[in-house]
Amino acid sequence: MALDFYEIGDIRLTKRLFSLNDKQLDTVNDAFIYLEKITGNYIDPYGTNRIYQEHVELILTFIKSRLSIDREKKSIQSLFEMIEVFSKSKNGLLAVGD
């Protein structure tokens, strides 16, 4: 399973910004659960989802807060990778699952 991300306005899916594989999805799953609790928006890994820029910022805030909690080197590296990819968003993201 993968989740592909595009700029929110790229409805024809012409330029993929990044993709998350199963392991990477596990890394951000808690952030997606947090987003759902705060906003009511569920990120469906099998569907198409609009993630508005305000929601991207919430995801980034959650991931950054995990950096101070996680002490395991692999976890920290994975979190930094997720910060890097989600920071590519300028206007929001369109997430397309398979």
N, C-alpha and C. Protein backbone atom coordinates (compact mmCIF):
# COMPACT_ATOMS: atom_id res chain seq x y z
N MET A 1 0.85 -1.17 0.00
CA MET A 1 0.00 0.00 0.00
C MET A 1 0.89 1.24 0.00
N ALA A 2 0.52 2.21 -0.78
CA ALA A 2 1.24 3.47 -0.82
C ALA A 2 0.24 4.61 -0.83
N LEU A 3 0.68 5.75 -0.42
CA LEU A 3 -0.12 6.96 -0.46
C LEU A 3 0.70 7.99 -1.21
N ASP A 4 0.19 8.43 -2.35
CA ASP A 4 0.89 9.41 -3.19
C ASP A 4 0.34 10.80 -2.90
N PHE A 5 1.24 11.80 -2.88
CA PHE A 5 0.85 13.17 -2.55
C PHE A 5 1.15 14.11 -3.71
N TYR A 6 0.19 14.98 -3.98
CA TYR A 6 0.27 15.97 -5.04
C TYR A 6 -0.13 17.32 -4.46
N GLU A 7 0.20 18.40 -5.16
CA GLU A 7 -0.33 19.71 -4.77
C GLU A 7 -1.85 19.62 -4.83
N ILE A 8 -2.53 20.30 -3.96
CA ILE A 8 -3.98 20.18 -3.85
C ILE A 8 -4.71 20.56 -5.14
N GLY A 9 -4.14 21.43 -5.93
CA GLY A 9 -4.77 21.85 -7.18
C GLY A 9 -4.47 20.94 -8.37
N ASP A 10 -3.62 19.96 -8.17
CA ASP A 10 -3.20 19.06 -9.27
C ASP A 10 -4.21 17.91 -9.40
N ILE A 11 -5.43 18.24 -9.85
CA ILE A 11 -6.49 17.23 -9.90
C ILE A 11 -6.26 16.18 -10.98
N ARG A 12 -5.41 16.47 -11.95
CA ARG A 12 -5.09 15.49 -12.98
C ARG A 12 -3.92 14.58 -12.56
N LEU A 13 -3.37 14.85 -11.39
CA LEU A 13 -2.28 14.04 -10.82
C LEU A 13 -1.08 13.98 -11.75
N THR A 14 -0.65 15.13 -12.21
CA THR A 14 0.44 15.18 -13.18
C THR A 14 1.83 15.22 -12.55
N LYS A 15 1.94 15.75 -11.32
CA LYS A 15 3.27 15.87 -10.72
C LYS A 15 3.22 15.42 -9.25
N ARG A 16 3.64 14.18 -9.03
CA ARG A 16 3.67 13.66 -7.66
C ARG A 16 4.79 14.34 -6.89
N LEU A 17 4.46 14.84 -5.70
CA LEU A 17 5.47 15.47 -4.84
C LEU A 17 6.27 14.42 -4.07
N PHE A 18 5.55 13.46 -3.50
CA PHE A 18 6.20 12.38 -2.75
C PHE A 18 5.21 11.25 -2.53
N SER A 19 5.72 10.14 -2.09
CA SER A 19 4.92 8.94 -1.83
C SER A 19 5.34 8.38 -0.47
N LEU A 20 4.39 7.81 0.26
CA LEU A 20 4.70 7.16 1.52
C LEU A 20 4.41 5.67 1.39
N ASN A 21 5.39 4.84 1.74
CA ASN A 21 5.18 3.39 1.73
C ASN A 21 4.60 2.96 3.08
N ASP A 22 4.40 1.68 3.27
CA ASP A 22 3.79 1.17 4.51
C ASP A 22 4.55 1.60 5.76
N LYS A 23 5.86 1.48 5.72
CA LYS A 23 6.68 1.82 6.89
C LYS A 23 6.57 3.32 7.21
N GLN A 24 6.59 4.14 6.17
CA GLN A 24 6.47 5.58 6.38
C GLN A 24 5.07 5.95 6.87
N LEU A 25 4.05 5.24 6.36
CA LEU A 25 2.69 5.49 6.84
C LEU A 25 2.58 5.16 8.33
N ASP A 26 3.27 4.11 8.77
CA ASP A 26 3.29 3.79 10.20
C ASP A 26 3.88 4.94 11.01
N THR A 27 4.89 5.59 10.45
CA THR A 27 5.54 6.70 11.14
C THR A 27 4.58 7.88 11.35
N VAL A 28 3.74 8.15 10.35
CA VAL A 28 2.84 9.31 10.44
C VAL A 28 1.43 8.95 10.87
N ASN A 29 1.17 7.68 11.14
CA ASN A 29 -0.18 7.27 11.51
C ASN A 29 -0.71 8.03 12.72
N ASP A 30 0.11 8.20 13.75
CA ASP A 30 -0.33 8.94 14.93
C ASP A 30 -0.68 10.39 14.59
N ALA A 31 0.06 10.97 13.66
CA ALA A 31 -0.24 12.34 13.23
C ALA A 31 -1.58 12.38 12.50
N PHE A 32 -1.87 11.37 11.71
CA PHE A 32 -3.16 11.31 11.01
C PHE A 32 -4.30 11.12 12.00
N ILE A 33 -4.10 10.32 13.04
CA ILE A 33 -5.11 10.13 14.08
C ILE A 33 -5.33 11.45 14.82
N TYR A 34 -4.24 12.14 15.13
CA TYR A 34 -4.32 13.45 15.79
C TYR A 34 -5.13 14.43 14.92
N LEU A 35 -4.84 14.45 13.62
CA LEU A 35 -5.56 15.32 12.70
C LEU A 35 -7.05 15.01 12.72
N GLU A 36 -7.39 13.74 12.73
CA GLU A 36 -8.81 13.35 12.75
C GLU A 36 -9.49 13.81 14.04
N LYS A 37 -8.80 13.66 15.16
CA LYS A 37 -9.38 14.09 16.44
C LYS A 37 -9.61 15.59 16.48
N ILE A 38 -8.67 16.35 15.94
CA ILE A 38 -8.75 17.81 16.00
C ILE A 38 -9.75 18.37 14.97
N THR A 39 -9.72 17.82 13.75
CA THR A 39 -10.49 18.41 12.66
C THR A 39 -11.67 17.56 12.19
N GLY A 40 -11.66 16.28 12.51
CA GLY A 40 -12.68 15.38 11.99
C GLY A 40 -12.34 14.82 10.62
N ASN A 41 -11.23 15.23 10.04
CA ASN A 41 -10.81 14.75 8.72
C ASN A 41 -10.00 13.47 8.86
N TYR A 42 -10.50 12.43 8.20
CA TYR A 42 -9.83 11.13 8.22
C TYR A 42 -9.04 10.97 6.93
N ILE A 43 -7.78 10.60 7.05
CA ILE A 43 -6.94 10.34 5.87
C ILE A 43 -7.11 8.86 5.53
N ASP A 44 -7.84 8.60 4.46
CA ASP A 44 -8.12 7.24 4.02
C ASP A 44 -6.97 6.76 3.14
N PRO A 45 -6.23 5.74 3.60
CA PRO A 45 -5.07 5.29 2.81
C PRO A 45 -5.45 4.61 1.49
N TYR A 46 -6.74 4.34 1.30
CA TYR A 46 -7.19 3.71 0.06
C TYR A 46 -7.98 4.65 -0.84
N GLY A 47 -8.22 5.87 -0.39
CA GLY A 47 -9.03 6.80 -1.14
C GLY A 47 -8.27 8.04 -1.54
N THR A 48 -9.02 9.04 -1.97
CA THR A 48 -8.45 10.34 -2.33
C THR A 48 -8.83 11.33 -1.25
N ASN A 49 -7.85 12.07 -0.75
CA ASN A 49 -8.05 12.98 0.38
C ASN A 49 -7.49 14.35 0.07
N ARG A 50 -8.23 15.37 0.46
CA ARG A 50 -7.71 16.74 0.40
C ARG A 50 -7.20 17.09 1.80
N ILE A 51 -5.96 17.51 1.84
CA ILE A 51 -5.35 17.93 3.11
C ILE A 51 -5.00 19.40 2.94
N TYR A 52 -5.80 20.26 3.54
CA TYR A 52 -5.59 21.69 3.39
C TYR A 52 -4.34 22.13 4.15
N GLN A 53 -3.79 23.25 3.76
CA GLN A 53 -2.51 23.70 4.31
C GLN A 53 -2.56 23.80 5.84
N GLU A 54 -3.67 24.24 6.40
CA GLU A 54 -3.80 24.31 7.86
C GLU A 54 -3.66 22.93 8.49
N HIS A 55 -4.16 21.92 7.78
CA HIS A 55 -4.05 20.55 8.28
C HIS A 55 -2.62 20.02 8.13
N VAL A 56 -1.96 20.41 7.05
CA VAL A 56 -0.54 20.04 6.89
C VAL A 56 0.26 20.62 8.06
N GLU A 57 -0.05 21.86 8.43
CA GLU A 57 0.66 22.49 9.55
C GLU A 57 0.40 21.74 10.86
N LEU A 58 -0.83 21.24 11.06
CA LEU A 58 -1.12 20.44 12.25
C LEU A 58 -0.32 19.14 12.25
N ILE A 59 -0.23 18.50 11.09
CA ILE A 59 0.56 17.27 10.98
C ILE A 59 2.02 17.55 11.30
N LEU A 60 2.56 18.63 10.75
CA LEU A 60 3.96 18.99 11.02
C LEU A 60 4.18 19.30 12.49
N THR A 61 3.26 20.02 13.11
CA THR A 61 3.37 20.34 14.53
C THR A 61 3.40 19.08 15.37
N PHE A 62 2.52 18.13 15.04
CA PHE A 62 2.49 16.87 15.78
C PHE A 62 3.79 16.10 15.61
N ILE A 63 4.27 16.00 14.38
CA ILE A 63 5.51 15.26 14.13
C ILE A 63 6.68 15.91 14.87
N LYS A 64 6.75 17.23 14.83
CA LYS A 64 7.84 17.93 15.53
C LYS A 64 7.75 17.71 17.04
N SER A 65 6.55 17.63 17.58
CA SER A 65 6.41 17.38 19.02
C SER A 65 6.90 15.99 19.39
N ARG A 66 6.81 15.05 18.46
CA ARG A 66 7.30 13.69 18.71
C ARG A 66 8.81 13.64 18.79
N LEU A 67 9.49 14.60 18.17
CA LEU A 67 10.96 14.60 18.21
C LEU A 67 11.47 14.71 19.63
N SER A 68 10.77 15.46 20.48
CA SER A 68 11.23 15.62 21.86
C SER A 68 10.91 14.40 22.71
N ILE A 69 10.02 13.53 22.21
CA ILE A 69 9.62 12.34 22.96
C ILE A 69 10.45 11.12 22.55
N ASP A 70 10.57 10.91 21.24
CA ASP A 70 11.28 9.75 20.73
C ASP A 70 12.78 9.92 20.89
N ARG A 71 13.41 8.93 21.46
CA ARG A 71 14.86 8.96 21.66
C ARG A 71 15.58 7.96 20.78
N GLU A 72 14.83 7.07 20.16
CA GLU A 72 15.44 6.05 19.32
C GLU A 72 15.92 6.69 18.01
N LYS A 73 17.15 6.42 17.65
CA LYS A 73 17.77 7.05 16.47
C LYS A 73 16.95 6.83 15.20
N LYS A 74 16.47 5.60 14.98
CA LYS A 74 15.70 5.31 13.78
C LYS A 74 14.40 6.11 13.75
N SER A 75 13.76 6.23 14.90
CA SER A 75 12.51 6.99 14.97
C SER A 75 12.75 8.45 14.66
N ILE A 76 13.80 9.02 15.21
CA ILE A 76 14.11 10.42 14.98
C ILE A 76 14.41 10.66 13.51
N GLN A 77 15.17 9.77 12.89
CA GLN A 77 15.49 9.91 11.47
C GLN A 77 14.22 9.83 10.63
N SER A 78 13.33 8.90 10.95
CA SER A 78 12.06 8.78 10.22
C SER A 78 11.21 10.02 10.38
N LEU A 79 11.19 10.59 11.59
CA LEU A 79 10.40 11.80 11.83
C LEU A 79 10.95 12.98 11.04
N PHE A 80 12.28 13.10 10.99
CA PHE A 80 12.89 14.17 10.20
C PHE A 80 12.54 14.01 8.71
N GLU A 81 12.54 12.78 8.23
CA GLU A 81 12.17 12.53 6.83
C GLU A 81 10.73 12.97 6.57
N MET A 82 9.83 12.70 7.51
CA MET A 82 8.43 13.08 7.35
C MET A 82 8.26 14.61 7.38
N ILE A 83 9.02 15.27 8.23
CA ILE A 83 8.99 16.73 8.26
C ILE A 83 9.42 17.29 6.92
N GLU A 84 10.48 16.71 6.37
CA GLU A 84 10.99 17.17 5.08
C GLU A 84 9.95 17.02 3.97
N VAL A 85 9.29 15.86 3.90
CA VAL A 85 8.36 15.65 2.80
C VAL A 85 7.08 16.47 2.97
N PHE A 86 6.57 16.58 4.17
CA PHE A 86 5.34 17.36 4.36
C PHE A 86 5.59 18.85 4.24
N SER A 87 6.83 19.28 4.44
CA SER A 87 7.16 20.70 4.29
C SER A 87 7.14 21.14 2.83
N LYS A 88 7.07 20.21 1.89
CA LYS A 88 7.00 20.55 0.47
C LYS A 88 5.68 21.22 0.12
N SER A 89 4.68 21.06 0.96
CA SER A 89 3.36 21.61 0.68
C SER A 89 3.35 23.12 0.87
N LYS A 90 2.78 23.82 -0.10
CA LYS A 90 2.65 25.27 -0.01
C LYS A 90 1.19 25.69 0.10
N ASN A 91 0.29 24.92 -0.52
CA ASN A 91 -1.14 25.27 -0.55
C ASN A 91 -2.04 24.17 -0.02
N GLY A 92 -1.46 23.03 0.30
CA GLY A 92 -2.22 21.87 0.71
C GLY A 92 -1.85 20.70 -0.17
N LEU A 93 -2.35 19.52 0.19
CA LEU A 93 -1.97 18.31 -0.51
C LEU A 93 -3.21 17.51 -0.93
N LEU A 94 -3.05 16.79 -1.99
CA LEU A 94 -4.02 15.81 -2.43
C LEU A 94 -3.35 14.46 -2.25
N ALA A 95 -3.92 13.62 -1.37
CA ALA A 95 -3.36 12.31 -1.07
C ALA A 95 -4.20 11.25 -1.77
N VAL A 96 -3.54 10.40 -2.54
CA VAL A 96 -4.24 9.37 -3.31
C VAL A 96 -3.70 8.00 -2.92
N GLY A 97 -4.58 7.17 -2.37
CA GLY A 97 -4.20 5.83 -1.96
C GLY A 97 -4.44 4.83 -3.07
N ASP A 98 -3.95 3.61 -2.83
CA ASP A 98 -4.20 2.57 -3.82
C ASP A 98 -4.90 1.38 -3.22
